[in-house]
C-alpha atoms as a PDB file:
ATOM      1  CA  MET A   1      68.844 128.824-148.933  1.00  0.00           C
ATOM      2  CA  PRO A   2      68.694 130.440-152.320  1.00  0.00           C
ATOM      3  CA  VAL A   3      71.851 131.745-153.879  1.00  0.00           C
ATOM      4  CA  ASP A   4      70.486 135.283-153.909  1.00  0.00           C
ATOM      5  CA  ARG A   5      70.587 135.233-150.212  1.00  0.00           C
ATOM      6  CA  GLU A   6      74.362 134.795-150.142  1.00  0.00           C
ATOM      7  CA  SER A   7      76.143 137.209-147.773  1.00  0.00           C
ATOM      8  CA  HIS A   8      72.806 138.082-146.121  1.00  0.00           C
ATOM      9  CA  PRO A   9      72.153 137.061-142.530  1.00  0.00           C
ATOM     10  CA  CYS A  10      70.496 133.758-141.794  1.00  0.00           C
ATOM     11  CA  PRO A  11      66.888 134.170-140.564  1.00  0.00           C
ATOM     12  CA  ARG A  12      67.390 131.490-137.979  1.00  0.00           C
ATOM     13  CA  CYS A  13      70.827 132.264-136.294  1.00  0.00           C
ATOM     14  CA  GLY A  14      71.839 135.564-137.772  1.00  0.00           C
ATOM     15  CA  GLU A  15      75.181 134.390-139.275  1.00  0.00           C
ATOM     16  CA  ARG A  16      76.180 135.392-142.739  1.00  0.00           C
ATOM     17  CA  ILE A  17      75.330 132.838-145.415  1.00  0.00           C
ATOM     18  CA  TRP A  18      78.192 131.887-147.855  1.00  0.00           C
ATOM     19  CA  ARG A  19      78.071 129.516-150.679  1.00  0.00           C
ATOM     20  CA  TYR A  20      81.790 129.000-150.185  1.00  0.00           C
ATOM     21  CA  LYS A  21      83.964 130.259-147.289  1.00  0.00           C
ATOM     22  CA  PRO A  22      85.950 133.332-148.254  1.00  0.00           C
ATOM     23  CA  TYR A  23      89.588 132.552-148.900  1.00  0.00           C
ATOM     24  CA  GLY A  24      88.782 128.852-148.541  1.00  0.00           C
ATOM     25  CA  THR A  25      91.359 127.909-151.166  1.00  0.00           C
ATOM     26  CA  MET A  26      94.119 129.896-149.440  1.00  0.00           C
ATOM     27  CA  ARG A  27      93.283 128.292-146.092  1.00  0.00           C
ATOM     28  CA  ALA A  28      93.498 124.818-147.619  1.00  0.00           C
ATOM     29  CA  LEU A  29      96.825 125.613-149.360  1.00  0.00           C
ATOM     30  CA  ALA A  30      98.232 127.057-146.042  1.00  0.00           C
ATOM     31  CA  LEU A  31      97.213 123.927-144.165  1.00  0.00           C
ATOM     32  CA  THR A  32      98.663 121.690-146.902  1.00  0.00           C
ATOM     33  CA  ILE A  33     102.041 123.439-146.812  1.00  0.00           C
ATOM     34  CA  ALA A  34     102.072 123.359-142.960  1.00  0.00           C
ATOM     35  CA  GLY A  35     101.408 119.630-143.197  1.00  0.00           C
ATOM     36  CA  PHE A  36     104.315 119.138-145.638  1.00  0.00           C
ATOM     37  CA  VAL A  37     106.572 121.117-143.346  1.00  0.00           C
ATOM     38  CA  CYS A  38     105.601 119.172-140.174  1.00  0.00           C
ATOM     39  CA  TYR A  39     105.521 115.726-141.949  1.00  0.00           C
ATOM     40  CA  PRO A  40     109.263 114.791-141.581  1.00  0.00           C
ATOM     41  CA  PHE A  41     109.281 115.633-137.872  1.00  0.00           C
ATOM     42  CA  ALA A  42     106.644 113.075-137.290  1.00  0.00           C
ATOM     43  CA  TYR A  43     109.063 110.344-138.092  1.00  0.00           C
ATOM     44  CA  LEU A  44     112.153 111.871-136.461  1.00  0.00           C
ATOM     45  CA  TYR A  45     110.688 112.303-132.928  1.00  0.00           C
ATOM     46  CA  PRO A  46     109.668 109.252-130.846  1.00  0.00           C
ATOM     47  CA  MET A  47     106.013 108.453-130.469  1.00  0.00           C
ATOM     48  CA  GLU A  48     106.556 106.433-127.235  1.00  0.00           C
ATOM     49  CA  TYR A  49     109.014 106.349-124.402  1.00  0.00           C
ATOM     50  CA  ASN A  50     109.750 103.295-122.266  1.00  0.00           C
ATOM     51  CA  TYR A  51     112.001 102.690-119.332  1.00  0.00           C
ATOM     52  CA  GLN A  52     114.126  99.632-119.976  1.00  0.00           C
ATOM     53  CA  LEU A  53     116.637  98.492-117.295  1.00  0.00           C
ATOM     54  CA  GLY A  54     116.693 102.001-115.855  1.00  0.00           C
ATOM     55  CA  SER A  55     117.190 103.890-119.047  1.00  0.00           C
ATOM     56  CA  LEU A  56     114.688 105.871-121.119  1.00  0.00           C
ATOM     57  CA  GLN A  57     114.217 104.457-124.669  1.00  0.00           C
ATOM     58  CA  GLY A  58     112.317 106.343-127.326  1.00  0.00           C
ATOM     59  CA  TYR A  59     110.535 104.528-130.163  1.00  0.00           C
ATOM     60  CA  SER A  60     109.462 105.998-133.494  1.00  0.00           C
ATOM     61  CA  ILE A  61     107.758 104.372-136.428  1.00  0.00           C
ATOM     62  CA  MET A  62     111.107 103.846-138.204  1.00  0.00           C
ATOM     63  CA  THR A  63     112.543 102.408-135.056  1.00  0.00           C
ATOM     64  CA  GLY A  64     109.768  99.785-135.127  1.00  0.00           C
ATOM     65  CA  VAL A  65     110.428  99.109-138.862  1.00  0.00           C
ATOM     66  CA  PHE A  66     114.112  98.638-138.185  1.00  0.00           C
ATOM     67  CA  LYS A  67     113.398  96.194-135.292  1.00  0.00           C
ATOM     68  CA  LEU A  68     111.061  94.196-137.505  1.00  0.00           C
ATOM     69  CA  VAL A  69     113.809  93.909-140.188  1.00  0.00           C
ATOM     70  CA  ASP A  70     116.363  92.879-137.564  1.00  0.00           C
ATOM     71  CA  ALA A  71     113.922  90.101-136.420  1.00  0.00           C
ATOM     72  CA  HIS A  72     113.561  89.048-140.058  1.00  0.00           C
ATOM     73  CA  PHE A  73     109.926  90.005-140.167  1.00  0.00           C
ATOM     74  CA  LEU A  74     110.354  91.547-143.631  1.00  0.00           C
ATOM     75  CA  LEU A  75     106.756  91.224-144.707  1.00  0.00           C
ATOM     76  CA  PHE A  76     105.474  92.972-141.563  1.00  0.00           C
ATOM     77  CA  ALA A  77     108.246  95.711-141.841  1.00  0.00           C
ATOM     78  CA  ALA A  78     107.242  96.388-145.471  1.00  0.00           C
ATOM     79  CA  ILE A  79     103.522  96.592-144.578  1.00  0.00           C
ATOM     80  CA  ILE A  80     104.217  98.984-141.746  1.00  0.00           C
ATOM     81  CA  PHE A  81     106.603 101.120-143.793  1.00  0.00           C
ATOM     82  CA  MET A  82     104.184 101.316-146.751  1.00  0.00           C
ATOM     83  CA  ALA A  83     101.114 101.966-144.600  1.00  0.00           C
ATOM     84  CA  SER A  84     102.628 104.633-142.298  1.00  0.00           C
ATOM     85  CA  ILE A  85     105.325 106.366-144.320  1.00  0.00           C
ATOM     86  CA  VAL A  86     104.945 105.771-148.140  1.00  0.00           C
ATOM     87  CA  THR A  87     101.200 105.987-148.409  1.00  0.00           C
ATOM     88  CA  PRO A  88     100.564 109.203-146.472  1.00  0.00           C
ATOM     89  CA  SER A  89     103.237 110.886-148.695  1.00  0.00           C
END
């Protein structure tokens, strides 16, 4: 579609034609801020629950990293920590 047709209805479907969505930058900023607010909670709350010997045990990503360190799998613990916590930050 030509630029001069911006904000006019589409001849095929009738929707308004926009070169860029109105308030697109504000929407992106709002979603980014919401992501930063929710990000720490992803590591605080368990991703998985298991019953072990009759008790409910929750596991988070950091729980897995700590268990790998306790088992002396330091390389794997570092890879999981870097790939799931440091890199997305």
